[in-house]
């Protein structure tokens, strides 16, 4: 197992004067589920975009299987992205296509495989998520949990060694949520991929993750195994896991005193 399959080394990224990521260093080995947790706006989804080359850091490097992602030309970057699967928040399926056509889409777009082989591969992927029988359904006919499983089948269609999950549990009922979590863990182990899981659902995340990074204010506030995180007395960890209002993450965004803004006391 290569612990350096995907490495972020001192990555800094921001928009103008606003810094989103401030010296973030992370490692994602194959065969492991690594979770990114933290409050809204802490930089979790930004990290996924930086890994995919959609955003370029101000400094630092992202190395994917020996390649510096942001030093690649356009064509090489496109080839690299074919080795990255993505499950988008709420699935992002093509509503005008059937379940089968959604999963077949990346195979038709990025390979020259004959249609009979594409058919077999799609059915295998759908079978892996328990939806081979729904291959000809329209997306409107699917429940939220079924749609998320179709999105998962599409994410693994090209057998990418890296799968990124952006809030895969959002909006799911408890049974669907547990089903998707089970699939993420089992597919990770069966395919020996590197899995990056962005989520706020602590119970499910800690149930399937091997390692966890907690982000706060653009930095890694804490990291460790789920058991280490549960046992931590770090204020950042405790506030996030316990859902406390009071803690390092303030309710109010930094601002001038209210009285000053309202022109009072002059």
C-alpha atoms as a PDB file:
ATOM      1  CA  UNK A   1       0.000   0.000   0.000  1.00  0.00           C
ATOM      2  CA  UNK A   2       1.403   3.362  -1.005  1.00  0.00           C
ATOM      3  CA  UNK A   3       0.616   6.036   1.629  1.00  0.00           C
ATOM      4  CA  UNK A   4       1.725   8.670  -0.864  1.00  0.00           C
ATOM      5  CA  UNK A   5      -0.721   7.742  -3.645  1.00  0.00           C
ATOM      6  CA  UNK A   6      -2.303  11.183  -3.280  1.00  0.00           C
ATOM      7  CA  UNK A   7      -0.546  13.912  -1.291  1.00  0.00           C
ATOM      8  CA  UNK A   8      -1.396  17.542  -0.602  1.00  0.00           C
ATOM      9  CA  UNK A   9       1.709  19.329   0.616  1.00  0.00           C
ATOM     10  CA  UNK A  10       1.361  22.769   2.223  1.00  0.00           C
ATOM     11  CA  UNK A  11      -1.475  23.795  -0.096  1.00  0.00           C
ATOM     12  CA  UNK A  12      -2.669  27.389   0.145  1.00  0.00           C
ATOM     13  CA  UNK A  13      -5.661  28.685  -1.819  1.00  0.00           C
ATOM     14  CA  UNK A  14      -7.880  31.722  -1.649  1.00  0.00           C
ATOM     15  CA  UNK A  15      -9.980  34.276  -3.482  1.00  0.00           C
ATOM     16  CA  UNK A  16      -8.237  37.661  -3.468  1.00  0.00           C
ATOM     17  CA  UNK A  17      -7.681  38.580   0.167  1.00  0.00           C
ATOM     18  CA  UNK A  18      -9.818  35.709   1.501  1.00  0.00           C
ATOM     19  CA  UNK A  19      -7.734  32.628   2.304  1.00  0.00           C
ATOM     20  CA  UNK A  20      -9.676  29.337   2.120  1.00  0.00           C
ATOM     21  CA  UNK A  21      -6.844  26.821   2.604  1.00  0.00           C
ATOM     22  CA  UNK A  22      -3.817  27.789   4.659  1.00  0.00           C
ATOM     23  CA  UNK A  23      -0.930  25.324   4.457  1.00  0.00           C
ATOM     24  CA  UNK A  24      -2.943  22.076   4.268  1.00  0.00           C
ATOM     25  CA  UNK A  25      -0.988  18.811   4.179  1.00  0.00           C
ATOM     26  CA  UNK A  26      -2.849  15.501   3.746  1.00  0.00           C
ATOM     27  CA  UNK A  27      -2.174  11.955   2.578  1.00  0.00           C
ATOM     28  CA  UNK A  28      -4.640   9.582   0.947  1.00  0.00           C
ATOM     29  CA  UNK A  29      -3.456   5.966   0.520  1.00  0.00           C
ATOM     30  CA  UNK A  30      -5.155   3.348  -1.618  1.00  0.00           C
ATOM     31  CA  UNK A  31      -7.377   0.933   0.221  1.00  0.00           C
ATOM     32  CA  UNK A  32      -8.421   3.513   2.814  1.00  0.00           C
ATOM     33  CA  UNK A  33     -11.451   5.733   3.368  1.00  0.00           C
ATOM     34  CA  UNK A  34     -10.258   9.159   4.518  1.00  0.00           C
ATOM     35  CA  UNK A  35     -12.878  11.613   5.721  1.00  0.00           C
ATOM     36  CA  UNK A  36     -12.827  15.409   5.634  1.00  0.00           C
ATOM     37  CA  UNK A  37     -15.080  16.964   8.260  1.00  0.00           C
ATOM     38  CA  UNK A  38     -15.584  20.513   9.482  1.00  0.00           C
ATOM     39  CA  UNK A  39     -18.064  23.333   9.471  1.00  0.00           C
ATOM     40  CA  UNK A  40     -19.529  24.902   6.359  1.00  0.00           C
ATOM     41  CA  UNK A  41     -16.952  27.044   4.603  1.00  0.00           C
ATOM     42  CA  UNK A  42     -13.982  25.269   6.179  1.00  0.00           C
ATOM     43  CA  UNK A  43     -12.557  24.280   2.780  1.00  0.00           C
ATOM     44  CA  UNK A  44     -13.632  20.645   2.386  1.00  0.00           C
ATOM     45  CA  UNK A  45     -15.148  20.863  -1.103  1.00  0.00           C
ATOM     46  CA  UNK A  46     -12.415  23.294  -2.142  1.00  0.00           C
ATOM     47  CA  UNK A  47      -9.896  20.526  -1.437  1.00  0.00           C
ATOM     48  CA  UNK A  48     -11.735  18.207  -3.849  1.00  0.00           C
ATOM     49  CA  UNK A  49     -11.646  20.896  -6.542  1.00  0.00           C
ATOM     50  CA  UNK A  50      -7.954  21.496  -5.985  1.00  0.00           C
ATOM     51  CA  UNK A  51      -7.259  17.757  -6.252  1.00  0.00           C
ATOM     52  CA  UNK A  52      -9.162  17.605  -9.549  1.00  0.00           C
ATOM     53  CA  UNK A  53      -7.256  20.553 -10.981  1.00  0.00           C
ATOM     54  CA  UNK A  54     -10.354  22.752 -11.165  1.00  0.00           C
ATOM     55  CA  UNK A  55      -8.698  25.227  -8.803  1.00  0.00           C
ATOM     56  CA  UNK A  56      -4.996  26.055  -8.718  1.00  0.00           C
ATOM     57  CA  UNK A  57      -3.377  26.681  -5.336  1.00  0.00           C
ATOM     58  CA  UNK A  58      -1.388  29.804  -4.610  1.00  0.00           C
ATOM     59  CA  UNK A  59       1.394  27.602  -3.302  1.00  0.00           C
ATOM     60  CA  UNK A  60       2.045  23.991  -2.372  1.00  0.00           C
ATOM     61  CA  UNK A  61       1.639  20.863  -4.472  1.00  0.00           C
ATOM     62  CA  UNK A  62      -0.899  18.134  -5.160  1.00  0.00           C
ATOM     63  CA  UNK A  63       0.772  14.892  -6.224  1.00  0.00           C
ATOM     64  CA  UNK A  64      -1.445  12.151  -7.637  1.00  0.00           C
ATOM     65  CA  UNK A  65       0.254   8.805  -8.265  1.00  0.00           C
ATOM     66  CA  UNK A  66       3.573  10.562  -8.902  1.00  0.00           C
ATOM     67  CA  UNK A  67       2.198  13.410 -11.057  1.00  0.00           C
ATOM     68  CA  UNK A  68       2.077  17.053  -9.990  1.00  0.00           C
ATOM     69  CA  UNK A  69      -1.552  17.819 -10.852  1.00  0.00           C
ATOM     70  CA  UNK A  70      -1.093  21.543 -11.404  1.00  0.00           C
ATOM     71  CA  UNK A  71       2.048  21.207 -13.540  1.00  0.00           C
ATOM     72  CA  UNK A  72       0.235  19.180 -16.213  1.00  0.00           C
ATOM     73  CA  UNK A  73      -0.896  20.491 -19.577  1.00  0.00           C
ATOM     74  CA  UNK A  74      -4.568  20.380 -20.526  1.00  0.00           C
ATOM     75  CA  UNK A  75      -4.560  16.992 -22.269  1.00  0.00           C
ATOM     76  CA  UNK A  76      -2.487  15.315 -19.550  1.00  0.00           C
ATOM     77  CA  UNK A  77      -4.791  16.787 -16.903  1.00  0.00           C
ATOM     78  CA  UNK A  78      -7.839  15.425 -18.741  1.00  0.00           C
ATOM     79  CA  UNK A  79      -6.200  11.987 -18.850  1.00  0.00           C
ATOM     80  CA  UNK A  80      -5.450  12.206 -15.141  1.00  0.00           C
ATOM     81  CA  UNK A  81      -9.036  13.138 -14.321  1.00  0.00           C
ATOM     82  CA  UNK A  82     -10.232   9.919 -15.957  1.00  0.00           C
ATOM     83  CA  UNK A  83      -8.553   8.190 -13.026  1.00  0.00           C
ATOM     84  CA  UNK A  84     -10.671  10.162 -10.554  1.00  0.00           C
ATOM     85  CA  UNK A  85     -14.254   9.185  -9.859  1.00  0.00           C
ATOM     86  CA  UNK A  86     -16.622  11.728  -8.325  1.00  0.00           C
ATOM     87  CA  UNK A  87     -19.937  11.403  -6.546  1.00  0.00           C
ATOM     88  CA  UNK A  88     -21.402  14.896  -6.479  1.00  0.00           C
ATOM     89  CA  UNK A  89     -23.650  16.274  -3.783  1.00  0.00           C
ATOM     90  CA  UNK A  90     -27.231  15.130  -4.543  1.00  0.00           C
ATOM     91  CA  UNK A  91     -25.912  12.880  -7.344  1.00  0.00           C
ATOM     92  CA  UNK A  92     -25.982  15.324 -10.291  1.00  0.00           C
ATOM     93  CA  UNK A  93     -27.479  12.732 -12.627  1.00  0.00           C
ATOM     94  CA  UNK A  94     -28.632  13.518 -16.176  1.00  0.00           C
ATOM     95  CA  UNK A  95     -32.388  13.689 -15.786  1.00  0.00           C
ATOM     96  CA  UNK A  96     -33.086  13.131 -19.494  1.00  0.00           C
ATOM     97  CA  UNK A  97     -31.188   9.827 -19.519  1.00  0.00           C
ATOM     98  CA  UNK A  98     -32.120   6.452 -18.081  1.00  0.00           C
ATOM     99  CA  UNK A  99     -30.241   4.854 -15.205  1.00  0.00           C
ATOM    100  CA  UNK A 100     -28.348   2.685 -17.712  1.00  0.00           C
ATOM    101  CA  UNK A 101     -27.423   5.668 -19.896  1.00  0.00           C
ATOM    102  CA  UNK A 102     -26.186   7.673 -16.899  1.00  0.00           C
ATOM    103  CA  UNK A 103     -23.733   4.944 -15.924  1.00  0.00           C
ATOM    104  CA  UNK A 104     -22.753   4.307 -19.547  1.00  0.00           C
ATOM    105  CA  UNK A 105     -22.023   7.992 -20.146  1.00  0.00           C
ATOM    106  CA  UNK A 106     -18.393   8.094 -18.862  1.00  0.00           C
ATOM    107  CA  UNK A 107     -17.600   4.841 -20.670  1.00  0.00           C
ATOM    108  CA  UNK A 108     -18.881   6.218 -23.957  1.00  0.00           C
ATOM    109  CA  UNK A 109     -17.234   9.594 -23.385  1.00  0.00           C
ATOM    110  CA  UNK A 110     -13.764   8.397 -22.373  1.00  0.00           C
ATOM    111  CA  UNK A 111     -13.303   5.000 -24.012  1.00  0.00           C
ATOM    112  CA  UNK A 112     -13.730   3.364 -27.415  1.00  0.00           C
ATOM    113  CA  UNK A 113     -15.162   0.163 -26.031  1.00  0.00           C
ATOM    114  CA  UNK A 114     -17.767  -1.635 -28.164  1.00  0.00           C
ATOM    115  CA  UNK A 115     -21.375  -1.287 -27.064  1.00  0.00           C
ATOM    116  CA  UNK A 116     -21.788  -4.947 -26.022  1.00  0.00           C
ATOM    117  CA  UNK A 117     -18.872  -4.581 -23.593  1.00  0.00           C
ATOM    118  CA  UNK A 118     -20.205  -1.235 -22.314  1.00  0.00           C
ATOM    119  CA  UNK A 119     -23.550  -2.929 -21.706  1.00  0.00           C
ATOM    120  CA  UNK A 120     -21.918  -5.678 -19.647  1.00  0.00           C
ATOM    121  CA  UNK A 121     -19.824  -3.205 -17.646  1.00  0.00           C
ATOM    122  CA  UNK A 122     -22.821  -0.998 -16.863  1.00  0.00           C
ATOM    123  CA  UNK A 123     -24.856  -3.968 -15.683  1.00  0.00           C
ATOM    124  CA  UNK A 124     -21.959  -5.098 -13.482  1.00  0.00           C
ATOM    125  CA  UNK A 125     -21.668  -1.648 -11.886  1.00  0.00           C
ATOM    126  CA  UNK A 126     -25.421  -1.450 -11.345  1.00  0.00           C
ATOM    127  CA  UNK A 127     -25.394  -4.923  -9.854  1.00  0.00           C
ATOM    128  CA  UNK A 128     -22.671  -3.813  -7.415  1.00  0.00           C
ATOM    129  CA  UNK A 129     -25.014  -1.123  -6.045  1.00  0.00           C
ATOM    130  CA  UNK A 130     -28.112  -3.345  -6.154  1.00  0.00           C
ATOM    131  CA  UNK A 131     -29.874  -1.585  -9.039  1.00  0.00           C
ATOM    132  CA  UNK A 132     -29.416  -3.795 -12.089  1.00  0.00           C
ATOM    133  CA  UNK A 133     -33.168  -4.270 -12.117  1.00  0.00           C
ATOM    134  CA  UNK A 134     -33.686  -0.514 -12.421  1.00  0.00           C
ATOM    135  CA  UNK A 135     -31.438  -0.079 -15.467  1.00  0.00           C
ATOM    136  CA  UNK A 136     -34.223   1.283 -17.695  1.00  0.00           C
ATOM    137  CA  UNK A 137     -35.823   3.535 -15.094  1.00  0.00           C
ATOM    138  CA  UNK A 138     -35.965   7.268 -15.685  1.00  0.00           C
ATOM    139  CA  UNK A 139     -34.268   9.383 -13.020  1.00  0.00           C
ATOM    140  CA  UNK A 140     -37.645  10.840 -11.986  1.00  0.00           C
ATOM    141  CA  UNK A 141     -38.743   7.317 -11.027  1.00  0.00           C
ATOM    142  CA  UNK A 142     -35.962   6.919  -8.451  1.00  0.00           C
ATOM    143  CA  UNK A 143     -36.034   7.623  -4.748  1.00  0.00           C
ATOM    144  CA  UNK A 144     -33.280   9.793  -3.291  1.00  0.00           C
ATOM    145  CA  UNK A 145     -31.375   6.761  -2.048  1.00  0.00           C
ATOM    146  CA  UNK A 146     -31.644   4.965  -5.387  1.00  0.00           C
ATOM    147  CA  UNK A 147     -30.443   8.056  -7.258  1.00  0.00           C
ATOM    148  CA  UNK A 148     -27.402   8.282  -4.989  1.00  0.00           C
ATOM    149  CA  UNK A 149     -26.584   4.647  -5.682  1.00  0.00           C
ATOM    150  CA  UNK A 150     -26.838   5.263  -9.435  1.00  0.00           C
ATOM    151  CA  UNK A 151     -24.427   8.170  -8.998  1.00  0.00           C
ATOM    152  CA  UNK A 152     -22.093   5.830  -7.138  1.00  0.00           C
ATOM    153  CA  UNK A 153     -22.255   3.292  -9.971  1.00  0.00           C
ATOM    154  CA  UNK A 154     -21.376   6.074 -12.411  1.00  0.00           C
ATOM    155  CA  UNK A 155     -18.463   7.194 -10.196  1.00  0.00           C
ATOM    156  CA  UNK A 156     -16.894   3.717 -10.373  1.00  0.00           C
ATOM    157  CA  UNK A 157     -17.704   3.106 -14.058  1.00  0.00           C
ATOM    158  CA  UNK A 158     -14.147   3.747 -15.264  1.00  0.00           C
ATOM    159  CA  UNK A 159     -12.519   1.797 -12.402  1.00  0.00           C
ATOM    160  CA  UNK A 160     -10.756   4.945 -11.214  1.00  0.00           C
ATOM    161  CA  UNK A 161      -8.239   4.397  -8.378  1.00  0.00           C
ATOM    162  CA  UNK A 162      -9.482   7.532  -6.608  1.00  0.00           C
ATOM    163  CA  UNK A 163     -13.126   8.152  -5.679  1.00  0.00           C
ATOM    164  CA  UNK A 164     -14.231  11.461  -4.140  1.00  0.00           C
ATOM    165  CA  UNK A 165     -17.564  11.782  -2.349  1.00  0.00           C
ATOM    166  CA  UNK A 166     -18.984  15.258  -1.746  1.00  0.00           C
ATOM    167  CA  UNK A 167     -21.711  15.014   0.927  1.00  0.00           C
ATOM    168  CA  UNK A 168     -22.951  11.601  -0.273  1.00  0.00           C
ATOM    169  CA  UNK A 169     -25.419  11.295   2.632  1.00  0.00           C
ATOM    170  CA  UNK A 170     -27.135  14.665   2.254  1.00  0.00           C
ATOM    171  CA  UNK A 171     -30.934  14.446   2.196  1.00  0.00           C
ATOM    172  CA  UNK A 172     -31.125  10.663   2.651  1.00  0.00           C
ATOM    173  CA  UNK A 173     -33.400   8.813   5.036  1.00  0.00           C
ATOM    174  CA  UNK A 174     -31.655   6.642   7.685  1.00  0.00           C
ATOM    175  CA  UNK A 175     -31.998   3.391   5.719  1.00  0.00           C
ATOM    176  CA  UNK A 176     -30.724   4.899   2.453  1.00  0.00           C
ATOM    177  CA  UNK A 177     -27.927   6.653   4.329  1.00  0.00           C
ATOM    178  CA  UNK A 178     -26.771   3.398   5.931  1.00  0.00           C
ATOM    179  CA  UNK A 179     -26.997   1.632   2.547  1.00  0.00           C
ATOM    180  CA  UNK A 180     -24.820   4.214   0.779  1.00  0.00           C
ATOM    181  CA  UNK A 181     -22.287   4.199   3.633  1.00  0.00           C
ATOM    182  CA  UNK A 182     -22.109   0.391   3.439  1.00  0.00           C
ATOM    183  CA  UNK A 183     -21.533   0.557  -0.319  1.00  0.00           C
ATOM    184  CA  UNK A 184     -18.764   3.153   0.002  1.00  0.00           C
ATOM    185  CA  UNK A 185     -16.887   0.995   2.490  1.00  0.00           C
ATOM    186  CA  UNK A 186     -17.383  -2.279   0.606  1.00  0.00           C
ATOM    187  CA  UNK A 187     -16.513  -0.833  -2.811  1.00  0.00           C
ATOM    188  CA  UNK A 188     -13.410   0.799  -1.364  1.00  0.00           C
ATOM    189  CA  UNK A 189     -12.202  -2.539  -0.017  1.00  0.00           C
ATOM    190  CA  UNK A 190     -13.185  -4.574  -3.078  1.00  0.00           C
ATOM    191  CA  UNK A 191     -11.626  -2.164  -5.599  1.00  0.00           C
ATOM    192  CA  UNK A 192      -8.621  -1.098  -3.457  1.00  0.00           C
ATOM    193  CA  UNK A 193      -9.204   2.562  -4.251  1.00  0.00           C
ATOM    194  CA  UNK A 194      -8.386   5.722  -2.343  1.00  0.00           C
ATOM    195  CA  UNK A 195     -11.663   7.166  -1.073  1.00  0.00           C
ATOM    196  CA  UNK A 196     -12.112  10.767   0.080  1.00  0.00           C
ATOM    197  CA  UNK A 197     -15.344  11.343   1.976  1.00  0.00           C
ATOM    198  CA  UNK A 198     -16.655  14.859   2.669  1.00  0.00           C
ATOM    199  CA  UNK A 199     -19.573  14.800   5.065  1.00  0.00           C
ATOM    200  CA  UNK A 200     -21.228  16.276   8.155  1.00  0.00           C
ATOM    201  CA  UNK A 201     -22.804  12.961   9.175  1.00  0.00           C
ATOM    202  CA  UNK A 202     -20.406  12.058  11.981  1.00  0.00           C
ATOM    203  CA  UNK A 203     -21.996   8.745  12.957  1.00  0.00           C
ATOM    204  CA  UNK A 204     -21.840   7.300   9.447  1.00  0.00           C
ATOM    205  CA  UNK A 205     -18.430   8.815   8.698  1.00  0.00           C
ATOM    206  CA  UNK A 206     -16.854   7.423  11.849  1.00  0.00           C
ATOM    207  CA  UNK A 207     -18.448   4.053  11.120  1.00  0.00           C
ATOM    208  CA  UNK A 208     -16.646   3.605   7.774  1.00  0.00           C
ATOM    209  CA  UNK A 209     -13.597   5.915   7.766  1.00  0.00           C
ATOM    210  CA  UNK A 210     -10.049   4.765   8.472  1.00  0.00           C
ATOM    211  CA  UNK A 211      -8.730   8.266   9.095  1.00  0.00           C
ATOM    212  CA  UNK A 212     -10.270  11.697   9.635  1.00  0.00           C
ATOM    213  CA  UNK A 213      -9.108  15.271   9.041  1.00  0.00           C
ATOM    214  CA  UNK A 214     -10.999  18.052  10.829  1.00  0.00           C
ATOM    215  CA  UNK A 215     -10.773  21.395   9.026  1.00  0.00           C
ATOM    216  CA  UNK A 216     -11.323  24.770  10.672  1.00  0.00           C
ATOM    217  CA  UNK A 217     -10.451  28.219   9.356  1.00  0.00           C
ATOM    218  CA  UNK A 218      -8.650  26.716   6.371  1.00  0.00           C
ATOM    219  CA  UNK A 219      -6.284  24.597   8.461  1.00  0.00           C
ATOM    220  CA  UNK A 220      -6.197  21.066   9.794  1.00  0.00           C
ATOM    221  CA  UNK A 221      -7.447  21.552  13.345  1.00  0.00           C
ATOM    222  CA  UNK A 222      -7.116  17.864  14.230  1.00  0.00           C
ATOM    223  CA  UNK A 223      -6.552  14.475  12.603  1.00  0.00           C
ATOM    224  CA  UNK A 224      -6.559  10.827  13.567  1.00  0.00           C
ATOM    225  CA  UNK A 225      -8.560   7.629  13.497  1.00  0.00           C
ATOM    226  CA  UNK A 226     -12.246   7.829  14.454  1.00  0.00           C
ATOM    227  CA  UNK A 227     -11.413   6.400  17.890  1.00  0.00           C
ATOM    228  CA  UNK A 228      -8.676   8.992  18.414  1.00  0.00           C
ATOM    229  CA  UNK A 229     -11.046  11.771  17.408  1.00  0.00           C
ATOM    230  CA  UNK A 230     -13.770  10.535  19.771  1.00  0.00           C
ATOM    231  CA  UNK A 231     -11.292  10.461  22.659  1.00  0.00           C
ATOM    232  CA  UNK A 232      -9.824  13.887  21.863  1.00  0.00           C
ATOM    233  CA  UNK A 233     -10.125  16.772  24.306  1.00  0.00           C
ATOM    234  CA  UNK A 234      -9.135  19.300  21.625  1.00  0.00           C
ATOM    235  CA  UNK A 235     -11.663  22.194  21.726  1.00  0.00           C
ATOM    236  CA  UNK A 236     -12.058  22.161  17.925  1.00  0.00           C
ATOM    237  CA  UNK A 237     -12.881  18.458  17.935  1.00  0.00           C
ATOM    238  CA  UNK A 238     -15.207  18.625  20.902  1.00  0.00           C
ATOM    239  CA  UNK A 239     -17.159  21.597  19.533  1.00  0.00           C
ATOM    240  CA  UNK A 240     -17.732  19.897  16.183  1.00  0.00           C
ATOM    241  CA  UNK A 241     -18.514  16.409  17.500  1.00  0.00           C
ATOM    242  CA  UNK A 242     -20.715  17.663  20.329  1.00  0.00           C
ATOM    243  CA  UNK A 243     -22.437  20.364  18.268  1.00  0.00           C
ATOM    244  CA  UNK A 244     -21.655  23.116  20.772  1.00  0.00           C
ATOM    245  CA  UNK A 245     -22.484  26.704  19.887  1.00  0.00           C
ATOM    246  CA  UNK A 246     -19.678  28.058  22.069  1.00  0.00           C
ATOM    247  CA  UNK A 247     -16.147  27.171  21.058  1.00  0.00           C
ATOM    248  CA  UNK A 248     -13.278  28.020  18.690  1.00  0.00           C
ATOM    249  CA  UNK A 249     -15.707  28.411  15.759  1.00  0.00           C
ATOM    250  CA  UNK A 250     -17.581  31.611  16.582  1.00  0.00           C
ATOM    251  CA  UNK A 251     -21.235  32.251  15.700  1.00  0.00           C
ATOM    252  CA  UNK A 252     -20.504  35.769  14.393  1.00  0.00           C
ATOM    253  CA  UNK A 253     -18.216  36.346  11.439  1.00  0.00           C
ATOM    254  CA  UNK A 254     -15.476  38.829  12.258  1.00  0.00           C
ATOM    255  CA  UNK A 255     -16.848  42.381  12.010  1.00  0.00           C
ATOM    256  CA  UNK A 256     -16.563  45.832  13.499  1.00  0.00           C
ATOM    257  CA  UNK A 257     -18.630  46.454  16.673  1.00  0.00           C
ATOM    258  CA  UNK A 258     -22.370  46.661  15.922  1.00  0.00           C
ATOM    259  CA  UNK A 259     -22.686  50.027  17.660  1.00  0.00           C
ATOM    260  CA  UNK A 260     -20.005  51.424  15.367  1.00  0.00           C
ATOM    261  CA  UNK A 261     -21.771  50.126  12.239  1.00  0.00           C
ATOM    262  CA  UNK A 262     -25.068  51.615  13.419  1.00  0.00           C
ATOM    263  CA  UNK A 263     -23.453  54.942  14.176  1.00  0.00           C
ATOM    264  CA  UNK A 264     -24.307  54.775  17.868  1.00  0.00           C
ATOM    265  CA  UNK A 265     -22.289  56.341  20.641  1.00  0.00           C
ATOM    266  CA  UNK A 266     -20.951  59.156  18.494  1.00  0.00           C
END
